[in-house]
Amino acid sequence: RMAPDGYATRRQLRADALRPGGQPVAAQLLWFSNRRRPTGAPPVLRV
């Protein structure tokens, strides 16, 4: 949730009726998530 203005994920582009159109990945978001992991397992790195 800290991406600067001017960047969007595929879903955000699709919500605005846009597509990446062949451009390369410009940036990424990284975070640790506790969702969909077994109890006691370490958090999963999401991108």
All heavy atoms as atom14 arrays in JSON, in Angstrom:
{
  "sequence": "RMAPDGYATRRQLRADALRPGGQPVAAQLLWFSNRRRPTGAPPVLRV",
  "atom14_mask": [
    [1, 1, 1, 1, 1, 1, 1, 1, 1, 1, 1, 0, 0, 0],
    [1, 1, 1, 1, 1, 1, 1, 1, 0, 0, 0, 0, 0, 0],
    [1, 1, 1, 1, 1, 0, 0, 0, 0, 0, 0, 0, 0, 0],
    [1, 1, 1, 1, 1, 1, 1, 0, 0, 0, 0, 0, 0, 0],
    [1, 1, 1, 1, 1, 1, 1, 1, 0, 0, 0, 0, 0, 0],
    [1, 1, 1, 1, 0, 0, 0, 0, 0, 0, 0, 0, 0, 0],
    [1, 1, 1, 1, 1, 1, 1, 1, 1, 1, 1, 1, 0, 0],
    [1, 1, 1, 1, 1, 0, 0, 0, 0, 0, 0, 0, 0, 0],
    [1, 1, 1, 1, 1, 1, 1, 0, 0, 0, 0, 0, 0, 0],
    [1, 1, 1, 1, 1, 1, 1, 1, 1, 1, 1, 0, 0, 0],
    [1, 1, 1, 1, 1, 1, 1, 1, 1, 1, 1, 0, 0, 0],
    [1, 1, 1, 1, 1, 1, 1, 1, 1, 0, 0, 0, 0, 0],
    [1, 1, 1, 1, 1, 1, 1, 1, 0, 0, 0, 0, 0, 0],
    [1, 1, 1, 1, 1, 1, 1, 1, 1, 1, 1, 0, 0, 0],
    [1, 1, 1, 1, 1, 0, 0, 0, 0, 0, 0, 0, 0, 0],
    [1, 1, 1, 1, 1, 1, 1, 1, 0, 0, 0, 0, 0, 0],
    [1, 1, 1, 1, 1, 0, 0, 0, 0, 0, 0, 0, 0, 0],
    [1, 1, 1, 1, 1, 1, 1, 1, 0, 0, 0, 0, 0, 0],
    [1, 1, 1, 1, 1, 1, 1, 1, 1, 1, 1, 0, 0, 0],
    [1, 1, 1, 1, 1, 1, 1, 0, 0, 0, 0, 0, 0, 0],
    [1, 1, 1, 1, 0, 0, 0, 0, 0, 0, 0, 0, 0, 0],
    [1, 1, 1, 1, 0, 0, 0, 0, 0, 0, 0, 0, 0, 0],
    [1, 1, 1, 1, 1, 1, 1, 1, 1, 0, 0, 0, 0, 0],
    [1, 1, 1, 1, 1, 1, 1, 0, 0, 0, 0, 0, 0, 0],
    [1, 1, 1, 1, 1, 1, 1, 0, 0, 0, 0, 0, 0, 0],
    [1, 1, 1, 1, 1, 0, 0, 0, 0, 0, 0, 0, 0, 0],
    [1, 1, 1, 1, 1, 0, 0, 0, 0, 0, 0, 0, 0, 0],
    [1, 1, 1, 1, 1, 1, 1, 1, 1, 0, 0, 0, 0, 0],
    [1, 1, 1, 1, 1, 1, 1, 1, 0, 0, 0, 0, 0, 0],
    [1, 1, 1, 1, 1, 1, 1, 1, 0, 0, 0, 0, 0, 0],
    [1, 1, 1, 1, 1, 1, 1, 1, 1, 1, 1, 1, 1, 1],
    [1, 1, 1, 1, 1, 1, 1, 1, 1, 1, 1, 0, 0, 0],
    [1, 1, 1, 1, 1, 1, 0, 0, 0, 0, 0, 0, 0, 0],
    [1, 1, 1, 1, 1, 1, 1, 1, 0, 0, 0, 0, 0, 0],
    [1, 1, 1, 1, 1, 1, 1, 1, 1, 1, 1, 0, 0, 0],
    [1, 1, 1, 1, 1, 1, 1, 1, 1, 1, 1, 0, 0, 0],
    [1, 1, 1, 1, 1, 1, 1, 1, 1, 1, 1, 0, 0, 0],
    [1, 1, 1, 1, 1, 1, 1, 0, 0, 0, 0, 0, 0, 0],
    [1, 1, 1, 1, 1, 1, 1, 0, 0, 0, 0, 0, 0, 0],
    [1, 1, 1, 1, 0, 0, 0, 0, 0, 0, 0, 0, 0, 0],
    [1, 1, 1, 1, 1, 0, 0, 0, 0, 0, 0, 0, 0, 0],
    [1, 1, 1, 1, 1, 1, 1, 0, 0, 0, 0, 0, 0, 0],
    [1, 1, 1, 1, 1, 1, 1, 0, 0, 0, 0, 0, 0, 0],
    [1, 1, 1, 1, 1, 1, 1, 0, 0, 0, 0, 0, 0, 0],
    [1, 1, 1, 1, 1, 1, 1, 1, 0, 0, 0, 0, 0, 0],
    [1, 1, 1, 1, 1, 1, 1, 1, 1, 1, 1, 0, 0, 0],
    [1, 1, 1, 1, 1, 1, 1, 0, 0, 0, 0, 0, 0, 0]
  ],
  "atom14_positions": [
    [[0.8, -1.23, 0.0], [0.0, 0.0, 0.0], [0.83, 1.28, 0.0], [0.36, 2.33, 0.41], [-0.97, 0.02, 1.18], [-2.0, -1.08, 1.07], [-3.06, -0.92, 2.13], [-4.01, -2.01, 1.97], [-5.09, -2.14, 2.7], [-5.36, -1.27, 3.63], [-5.89, -3.15, 2.51], [0.0, 0.0, 0.0], [0.0, 0.0, 0.0], [0.0, 0.0, 0.0]],
    [[2.07, 1.19, -0.45], [2.93, 2.37, -0.47], [3.43, 2.7, -1.87], [4.42, 3.41, -2.03], [4.13, 2.16, 0.46], [3.77, 2.0, 1.92], [3.04, 3.47, 2.65], [4.42, 4.57, 2.61], [0.0, 0.0, 0.0], [0.0, 0.0, 0.0], [0.0, 0.0, 0.0], [0.0, 0.0, 0.0], [0.0, 0.0, 0.0], [0.0, 0.0, 0.0]],
    [[2.78, 2.18, -2.9], [3.2, 2.45, -4.28], [2.94, 3.91, -4.62], [1.9, 4.48, -4.27], [2.46, 1.55, -5.25], [0.0, 0.0, 0.0], [0.0, 0.0, 0.0], [0.0, 0.0, 0.0], [0.0, 0.0, 0.0], [0.0, 0.0, 0.0], [0.0, 0.0, 0.0], [0.0, 0.0, 0.0], [0.0, 0.0, 0.0], [0.0, 0.0, 0.0]],
    [[3.88, 4.56, -5.32], [3.65, 5.94, -5.72], [2.6, 6.03, -6.82], [2.27, 5.04, -7.47], [5.03, 6.39, -6.23], [5.75, 5.15, -6.56], [5.2, 4.07, -5.7], [0.0, 0.0, 0.0], [0.0, 0.0, 0.0], [0.0, 0.0, 0.0], [0.0, 0.0, 0.0], [0.0, 0.0, 0.0], [0.0, 0.0, 0.0], [0.0, 0.0, 0.0]],
    [[2.09, 7.23, -7.03], [1.1, 7.45, -8.09], [1.74, 7.13, -9.44], [2.94, 7.3, -9.65], [0.62, 8.9, -8.08], [-0.2, 9.23, -6.85], [-0.77, 8.28, -6.26], [-0.26, 10.41, -6.47], [0.0, 0.0, 0.0], [0.0, 0.0, 0.0], [0.0, 0.0, 0.0], [0.0, 0.0, 0.0], [0.0, 0.0, 0.0], [0.0, 0.0, 0.0]],
    [[0.91, 6.67, -10.36], [1.4, 6.36, -11.69], [1.67, 4.88, -11.89], [1.95, 4.45, -13.01], [0.0, 0.0, 0.0], [0.0, 0.0, 0.0], [0.0, 0.0, 0.0], [0.0, 0.0, 0.0], [0.0, 0.0, 0.0], [0.0, 0.0, 0.0], [0.0, 0.0, 0.0], [0.0, 0.0, 0.0], [0.0, 0.0, 0.0], [0.0, 0.0, 0.0]],
    [[1.59, 4.07, -10.83], [1.77, 2.63, -10.93], [0.47, 1.94, -10.56], [-0.3, 2.44, -9.74], [2.86, 2.13, -9.97], [4.25, 2.57, -10.33], [4.89, 3.58, -9.64], [4.95, 1.94, -11.35], [6.17, 3.97, -9.95], [6.24, 2.33, -11.68], [6.84, 3.34, -10.98], [8.11, 3.72, -11.3], [0.0, 0.0, 0.0], [0.0, 0.0, 0.0]],
    [[0.24, 0.76, -11.14], [-0.97, 0.0, -10.83], [-0.72, -1.48, -11.07], [0.08, -1.85, -11.92], [-2.14, 0.47, -11.7], [0.0, 0.0, 0.0], [0.0, 0.0, 0.0], [0.0, 0.0, 0.0], [0.0, 0.0, 0.0], [0.0, 0.0, 0.0], [0.0, 0.0, 0.0], [0.0, 0.0, 0.0], [0.0, 0.0, 0.0], [0.0, 0.0, 0.0]],
    [[-1.44, -2.32, -10.33], [-1.39, -3.76, -10.54], [-2.26, -4.1, -11.75], [-3.01, -3.26, -12.25], [-1.91, -4.53, -9.31], [-3.29, -4.19, -9.12], [-1.1, -4.2, -8.07], [0.0, 0.0, 0.0], [0.0, 0.0, 0.0], [0.0, 0.0, 0.0], [0.0, 0.0, 0.0], [0.0, 0.0, 0.0], [0.0, 0.0, 0.0], [0.0, 0.0, 0.0]],
    [[-2.2, -5.34, -12.2], [-3.04, -5.77, -13.32], [-4.53, -5.59, -12.99], [-5.31, -5.16, -13.84], [-2.79, -7.24, -13.64], [-1.53, -7.49, -14.42], [-1.41, -8.98, -14.75], [-0.24, -9.24, -15.51], [-0.19, -9.27, -16.84], [-1.27, -9.04, -17.53], [0.94, -9.52, -17.46], [0.0, 0.0, 0.0], [0.0, 0.0, 0.0], [0.0, 0.0, 0.0]],
    [[-4.91, -5.92, -11.78], [-6.33, -5.78, -11.41], [-6.77, -4.32, -11.39], [-7.88, -3.99, -11.79], [-6.58, -6.4, -10.04], [-6.61, -7.9, -10.08], [-7.04, -8.46, -8.75], [-7.04, -9.91, -8.81], [-7.66, -10.67, -7.94], [-8.32, -10.12, -6.94], [-7.62, -11.97, -8.04], [0.0, 0.0, 0.0], [0.0, 0.0, 0.0], [0.0, 0.0, 0.0]],
    [[-5.9, -3.46, -10.92], [-6.24, -2.04, -10.91], [-6.35, -1.5, -12.33], [-7.22, -0.69, -12.62], [-5.21, -1.26, -10.11], [-5.28, -1.54, -8.63], [-4.08, -0.99, -7.87], [-3.0, -0.8, -8.44], [-4.26, -0.74, -6.59], [0.0, 0.0, 0.0], [0.0, 0.0, 0.0], [0.0, 0.0, 0.0], [0.0, 0.0, 0.0], [0.0, 0.0, 0.0]],
    [[-5.45, -1.94, -13.21], [-5.54, -1.53, -14.61], [-6.84, -2.02, -15.22], [-7.53, -1.28, -15.92], [-4.36, -2.05, -15.4], [-2.99, -1.42, -15.14], [-1.91, -2.13, -15.93], [-3.01, 0.06, -15.46], [0.0, 0.0, 0.0], [0.0, 0.0, 0.0], [0.0, 0.0, 0.0], [0.0, 0.0, 0.0], [0.0, 0.0, 0.0], [0.0, 0.0, 0.0]],
    [[-7.18, -3.28, -14.96], [-8.39, -3.86, -15.52], [-9.63, -3.13, -15.04], [-10.59, -2.95, -15.79], [-8.47, -5.35, -15.16], [-9.58, -6.09, -15.82], [-9.41, -6.09, -17.32], [-10.52, -6.79, -17.94], [-10.45, -7.38, -19.1], [-9.34, -7.36, -19.8], [-11.5, -8.0, -19.6], [0.0, 0.0, 0.0], [0.0, 0.0, 0.0], [0.0, 0.0, 0.0]],
    [[-9.64, -2.7, -13.79], [-10.78, -1.95, -13.25], [-10.96, -0.63, -14.0], [-12.08, -0.1, -14.07], [-10.61, -1.7, -11.76], [0.0, 0.0, 0.0], [0.0, 0.0, 0.0], [0.0, 0.0, 0.0], [0.0, 0.0, 0.0], [0.0, 0.0, 0.0], [0.0, 0.0, 0.0], [0.0, 0.0, 0.0], [0.0, 0.0, 0.0], [0.0, 0.0, 0.0]],
    [[-9.89, -0.1, -14.56], [-9.95, 1.14, -15.34], [-10.01, 0.87, -16.84], [-9.75, 1.77, -17.64], [-8.74, 2.02, -15.03], [-8.73, 2.51, -13.6], [-9.82, 2.57, -12.99], [-7.64, 2.83, -13.08], [0.0, 0.0, 0.0], [0.0, 0.0, 0.0], [0.0, 0.0, 0.0], [0.0, 0.0, 0.0], [0.0, 0.0, 0.0], [0.0, 0.0, 0.0]],
    [[-10.35, -0.37, -17.23], [-10.45, -0.79, -18.63], [-9.12, -0.61, -19.37], [-9.08, -0.21, -20.52], [-11.58, -0.05, -19.34], [0.0, 0.0, 0.0], [0.0, 0.0, 0.0], [0.0, 0.0, 0.0], [0.0, 0.0, 0.0], [0.0, 0.0, 0.0], [0.0, 0.0, 0.0], [0.0, 0.0, 0.0], [0.0, 0.0, 0.0], [0.0, 0.0, 0.0]],
    [[-8.02, -0.95, -18.67], [-6.69, -0.89, -19.27], [-6.01, -2.24, -19.14], [-6.44, -3.1, -18.38], [-5.84, 0.18, -18.57], [-6.33, 1.62, -18.67], [-5.51, 2.51, -17.75], [-6.26, 2.12, -20.1], [0.0, 0.0, 0.0], [0.0, 0.0, 0.0], [0.0, 0.0, 0.0], [0.0, 0.0, 0.0], [0.0, 0.0, 0.0], [0.0, 0.0, 0.0]],
    [[-4.92, -2.43, -19.9], [-4.1, -3.64, -19.84], [-2.65, -3.21, -19.92], [-2.34, -2.12, -20.42], [-4.45, -4.59, -20.97], [-4.22, -4.0, -22.35], [-4.73, -4.94, -23.45], [-4.72, -4.27, -24.73], [-3.73, -4.34, -25.61], [-2.67, -5.07, -25.36], [-3.8, -3.69, -26.76], [0.0, 0.0, 0.0], [0.0, 0.0, 0.0], [0.0, 0.0, 0.0]],
    [[-1.71, -4.04, -19.44], [-0.3, -3.64, -19.5], [0.19, -3.38, -20.92], [1.04, -2.53, -21.15], [0.44, -4.81, -18.87], [-0.57, -5.45, -17.98], [-1.89, -5.26, -18.66], [0.0, 0.0, 0.0], [0.0, 0.0, 0.0], [0.0, 0.0, 0.0], [0.0, 0.0, 0.0], [0.0, 0.0, 0.0], [0.0, 0.0, 0.0], [0.0, 0.0, 0.0]],
    [[-0.32, -4.12, -21.89], [0.03, -3.85, -23.28], [1.46, -4.19, -23.64], [2.07, -3.51, -24.46], [0.0, 0.0, 0.0], [0.0, 0.0, 0.0], [0.0, 0.0, 0.0], [0.0, 0.0, 0.0], [0.0, 0.0, 0.0], [0.0, 0.0, 0.0], [0.0, 0.0, 0.0], [0.0, 0.0, 0.0], [0.0, 0.0, 0.0], [0.0, 0.0, 0.0]],
    [[2.03, -5.22, -23.04], [3.37, -5.67, -23.39], [4.5, -4.97, -22.67], [5.67, -5.31, -22.88], [0.0, 0.0, 0.0], [0.0, 0.0, 0.0], [0.0, 0.0, 0.0], [0.0, 0.0, 0.0], [0.0, 0.0, 0.0], [0.0, 0.0, 0.0], [0.0, 0.0, 0.0], [0.0, 0.0, 0.0], [0.0, 0.0, 0.0], [0.0, 0.0, 0.0]],
    [[4.2, -4.01, -21.84], [5.27, -3.32, -21.12], [5.86, -4.22, -20.04], [5.17, -5.08, -19.48], [4.75, -2.02, -20.51], [3.73, -2.22, -19.4], [3.37, -0.94, -18.69], [4.23, -0.33, -18.08], [2.1, -0.55, -18.78], [0.0, 0.0, 0.0], [0.0, 0.0, 0.0], [0.0, 0.0, 0.0], [0.0, 0.0, 0.0], [0.0, 0.0, 0.0]],
    [[7.13, -4.05, -19.71], [7.72, -4.86, -18.65], [7.24, -4.4, -17.28], [6.69, -3.3, -17.13], [9.22, -4.62, -18.81], [9.31, -3.28, -19.45], [8.1, -3.15, -20.34], [0.0, 0.0, 0.0], [0.0, 0.0, 0.0], [0.0, 0.0, 0.0], [0.0, 0.0, 0.0], [0.0, 0.0, 0.0], [0.0, 0.0, 0.0], [0.0, 0.0, 0.0]],
    [[7.46, -5.23, -16.27], [7.13, -4.86, -14.89], [7.97, -3.65, -14.51], [9.19, -3.65, -14.69], [7.39, -6.04, -13.94], [7.21, -5.62, -12.5], [6.48, -7.21, -14.27], [0.0, 0.0, 0.0], [0.0, 0.0, 0.0], [0.0, 0.0, 0.0], [0.0, 0.0, 0.0], [0.0, 0.0, 0.0], [0.0, 0.0, 0.0], [0.0, 0.0, 0.0]],
    [[7.33, -2.61, -14.0], [8.03, -1.37, -13.67], [8.48, -1.32, -12.22], [9.48, -0.67, -11.9], [7.14, -0.17, -13.99], [0.0, 0.0, 0.0], [0.0, 0.0, 0.0], [0.0, 0.0, 0.0], [0.0, 0.0, 0.0], [0.0, 0.0, 0.0], [0.0, 0.0, 0.0], [0.0, 0.0, 0.0], [0.0, 0.0, 0.0], [0.0, 0.0, 0.0]],
    [[7.74, -1.97, -11.34], [8.06, -1.96, -9.9], [7.33, -3.13, -9.25], [6.59, -3.86, -9.92], [7.64, -0.64, -9.27], [0.0, 0.0, 0.0], [0.0, 0.0, 0.0], [0.0, 0.0, 0.0], [0.0, 0.0, 0.0], [0.0, 0.0, 0.0], [0.0, 0.0, 0.0], [0.0, 0.0, 0.0], [0.0, 0.0, 0.0], [0.0, 0.0, 0.0]],
    [[7.52, -3.28, -7.96], [6.83, -4.35, -7.24], [6.53, -3.92, -5.81], [7.18, -3.04, -5.27], [7.67, -5.63, -7.23], [8.97, -5.53, -6.46], [9.8, -6.8, -6.54], [9.35, -7.82, -7.07], [11.0, -6.75, -6.02], [0.0, 0.0, 0.0], [0.0, 0.0, 0.0], [0.0, 0.0, 0.0], [0.0, 0.0, 0.0], [0.0, 0.0, 0.0]],
    [[5.5, -4.55, -5.26], [5.17, -4.41, -3.84], [5.56, -5.71, -3.16], [5.31, -6.79, -3.68], [3.68, -4.19, -3.64], [3.06, -2.94, -4.23], [1.55, -2.97, -4.02], [3.64, -1.71, -3.61], [0.0, 0.0, 0.0], [0.0, 0.0, 0.0], [0.0, 0.0, 0.0], [0.0, 0.0, 0.0], [0.0, 0.0, 0.0], [0.0, 0.0, 0.0]],
    [[6.17, -5.63, -2.0], [6.5, -6.81, -1.2], [5.92, -6.65, 0.19], [5.94, -5.56, 0.75], [8.02, -6.99, -1.1], [8.77, -7.42, -2.35], [10.26, -7.48, -2.07], [8.28, -8.76, -2.86], [0.0, 0.0, 0.0], [0.0, 0.0, 0.0], [0.0, 0.0, 0.0], [0.0, 0.0, 0.0], [0.0, 0.0, 0.0], [0.0, 0.0, 0.0]],
    [[5.41, -7.76, 0.75], [4.91, -7.75, 2.12], [4.84, -9.18, 2.63], [4.85, -10.13, 1.86], [3.55, -7.06, 2.21], [2.4, -7.82, 1.64], [1.51, -8.58, 2.33], [2.0, -7.9, 0.26], [0.58, -9.13, 1.48], [0.86, -8.72, 0.2], [2.48, -7.36, -0.92], [0.21, -9.02, -0.99], [1.85, -7.66, -2.1], [0.73, -8.47, -2.13]],
    [[4.81, -9.32, 3.93], [4.62, -10.63, 4.56], [3.14, -10.81, 4.86], [2.47, -9.89, 5.34], [5.42, -10.75, 5.85], [6.88, -11.01, 5.62], [7.83, -10.06, 5.93], [7.3, -12.21, 5.07], [9.16, -10.29, 5.72], [8.64, -12.46, 4.85], [9.58, -11.5, 5.17], [0.0, 0.0, 0.0], [0.0, 0.0, 0.0], [0.0, 0.0, 0.0]],
    [[2.65, -12.0, 4.6], [1.23, -12.28, 4.79], [1.07, -13.51, 5.67], [1.81, -14.48, 5.54], [0.56, -12.53, 3.44], [-0.76, -12.96, 3.63], [0.0, 0.0, 0.0], [0.0, 0.0, 0.0], [0.0, 0.0, 0.0], [0.0, 0.0, 0.0], [0.0, 0.0, 0.0], [0.0, 0.0, 0.0], [0.0, 0.0, 0.0], [0.0, 0.0, 0.0]],
    [[0.08, -13.46, 6.55], [-0.26, -14.61, 7.39], [-1.41, -15.42, 6.82], [-1.82, -16.4, 7.41], [-0.62, -14.14, 8.8], [0.58, -13.61, 9.54], [1.68, -14.11, 9.37], [0.38, -12.58, 10.34], [0.0, 0.0, 0.0], [0.0, 0.0, 0.0], [0.0, 0.0, 0.0], [0.0, 0.0, 0.0], [0.0, 0.0, 0.0], [0.0, 0.0, 0.0]],
    [[-1.93, -14.99, 5.67], [-3.06, -15.69, 5.07], [-2.6, -16.97, 4.38], [-1.52, -17.04, 3.83], [-3.74, -14.8, 4.04], [-4.37, -13.58, 4.69], [-5.08, -12.74, 3.7], [-6.24, -13.5, 3.24], [-6.97, -13.13, 2.21], [-6.68, -12.04, 1.55], [-7.99, -13.84, 1.83], [0.0, 0.0, 0.0], [0.0, 0.0, 0.0], [0.0, 0.0, 0.0]],
    [[-3.45, -17.97, 4.4], [-3.24, -19.24, 3.71], [-1.94, -19.93, 4.12], [-1.18, -20.38, 3.28], [-3.29, -19.05, 2.21], [-4.61, -18.53, 1.74], [-4.63, -18.41, 0.26], [-5.87, -17.77, -0.15], [-6.61, -18.17, -1.16], [-6.25, -19.17, -1.87], [-7.71, -17.54, -1.45], [0.0, 0.0, 0.0], [0.0, 0.0, 0.0], [0.0, 0.0, 0.0]],
    [[-1.69, -19.96, 5.38], [-0.51, -20.67, 5.85], [-0.93, -21.55, 7.02], [-1.86, -21.22, 7.77], [0.6, -19.71, 6.27], [0.28, -18.93, 7.52], [1.44, -18.01, 7.89], [1.1, -17.27, 9.07], [1.52, -17.58, 10.29], [2.32, -18.6, 10.47], [1.16, -16.86, 11.33], [0.0, 0.0, 0.0], [0.0, 0.0, 0.0], [0.0, 0.0, 0.0]],
    [[-0.26, -22.66, 7.21], [-0.59, -23.53, 8.34], [-0.27, -22.85, 9.67], [0.61, -21.98, 9.74], [0.3, -24.75, 8.15], [0.9, -24.63, 6.81], [0.76, -23.22, 6.36], [0.0, 0.0, 0.0], [0.0, 0.0, 0.0], [0.0, 0.0, 0.0], [0.0, 0.0, 0.0], [0.0, 0.0, 0.0], [0.0, 0.0, 0.0], [0.0, 0.0, 0.0]],
    [[-0.95, -23.24, 10.69], [-0.71, -22.67, 12.02], [0.72, -22.96, 12.46], [1.2, -24.08, 12.33], [-1.69, -23.28, 13.04], [-3.02, -23.08, 12.57], [-1.53, -22.63, 14.4], [0.0, 0.0, 0.0], [0.0, 0.0, 0.0], [0.0, 0.0, 0.0], [0.0, 0.0, 0.0], [0.0, 0.0, 0.0], [0.0, 0.0, 0.0], [0.0, 0.0, 0.0]],
    [[1.39, -21.93, 12.94], [2.76, -22.08, 13.41], [3.81, -21.88, 12.33], [4.99, -21.78, 12.63], [0.0, 0.0, 0.0], [0.0, 0.0, 0.0], [0.0, 0.0, 0.0], [0.0, 0.0, 0.0], [0.0, 0.0, 0.0], [0.0, 0.0, 0.0], [0.0, 0.0, 0.0], [0.0, 0.0, 0.0], [0.0, 0.0, 0.0], [0.0, 0.0, 0.0]],
    [[3.41, -21.83, 11.07], [4.36, -21.63, 9.98], [4.72, -20.14, 9.91], [3.92, -19.28, 10.29], [3.77, -22.09, 8.66], [0.0, 0.0, 0.0], [0.0, 0.0, 0.0], [0.0, 0.0, 0.0], [0.0, 0.0, 0.0], [0.0, 0.0, 0.0], [0.0, 0.0, 0.0], [0.0, 0.0, 0.0], [0.0, 0.0, 0.0], [0.0, 0.0, 0.0]],
    [[5.9, -19.82, 9.41], [6.27, -18.41, 9.29], [5.44, -17.7, 8.24], [4.89, -18.34, 7.34], [7.75, -18.47, 8.89], [7.92, -19.79, 8.25], [6.95, -20.71, 8.94], [0.0, 0.0, 0.0], [0.0, 0.0, 0.0], [0.0, 0.0, 0.0], [0.0, 0.0, 0.0], [0.0, 0.0, 0.0], [0.0, 0.0, 0.0], [0.0, 0.0, 0.0]],
    [[5.32, -16.38, 8.32], [4.57, -15.64, 7.31], [5.17, -15.84, 5.91], [6.36, -16.1, 5.75], [4.72, -14.18, 7.75], [5.09, -14.24, 9.18], [5.83, -15.52, 9.37], [0.0, 0.0, 0.0], [0.0, 0.0, 0.0], [0.0, 0.0, 0.0], [0.0, 0.0, 0.0], [0.0, 0.0, 0.0], [0.0, 0.0, 0.0], [0.0, 0.0, 0.0]],
    [[4.32, -15.72, 4.91], [4.7, -15.95, 3.53], [5.02, -14.6, 2.88], [4.29, -13.63, 3.05], [3.56, -16.64, 2.77], [3.91, -16.84, 1.31], [3.22, -17.96, 3.42], [0.0, 0.0, 0.0], [0.0, 0.0, 0.0], [0.0, 0.0, 0.0], [0.0, 0.0, 0.0], [0.0, 0.0, 0.0], [0.0, 0.0, 0.0], [0.0, 0.0, 0.0]],
    [[6.11, -14.55, 2.13], [6.46, -13.33, 1.39], [5.59, -13.25, 0.15], [5.55, -14.17, -0.66], [7.94, -13.35, 1.0], [8.42, -12.12, 0.23], [8.31, -10.87, 1.09], [9.84, -12.31, -0.25], [0.0, 0.0, 0.0], [0.0, 0.0, 0.0], [0.0, 0.0, 0.0], [0.0, 0.0, 0.0], [0.0, 0.0, 0.0], [0.0, 0.0, 0.0]],
    [[4.86, -12.16, 0.02], [3.96, -11.96, -1.13], [4.51, -10.85, -2.0], [5.21, -9.96, -1.53], [2.56, -11.57, -0.64], [1.92, -12.53, 0.34], [1.49, -13.84, -0.29], [0.61, -13.67, -1.41], [-0.71, -13.66, -1.35], [-1.32, -13.79, -0.2], [-1.43, -13.51, -2.44], [0.0, 0.0, 0.0], [0.0, 0.0, 0.0], [0.0, 0.0, 0.0]],
    [[4.15, -10.89, -3.28], [4.61, -9.88, -4.23], [3.45, -9.5, -5.15], [2.61, -10.32, -5.48], [5.81, -10.41, -5.05], [5.43, -11.61, -5.89], [6.39, -9.33, -5.92], [0.0, 0.0, 0.0], [0.0, 0.0, 0.0], [0.0, 0.0, 0.0], [0.0, 0.0, 0.0], [0.0, 0.0, 0.0], [0.0, 0.0, 0.0], [0.0, 0.0, 0.0]]
  ]
}
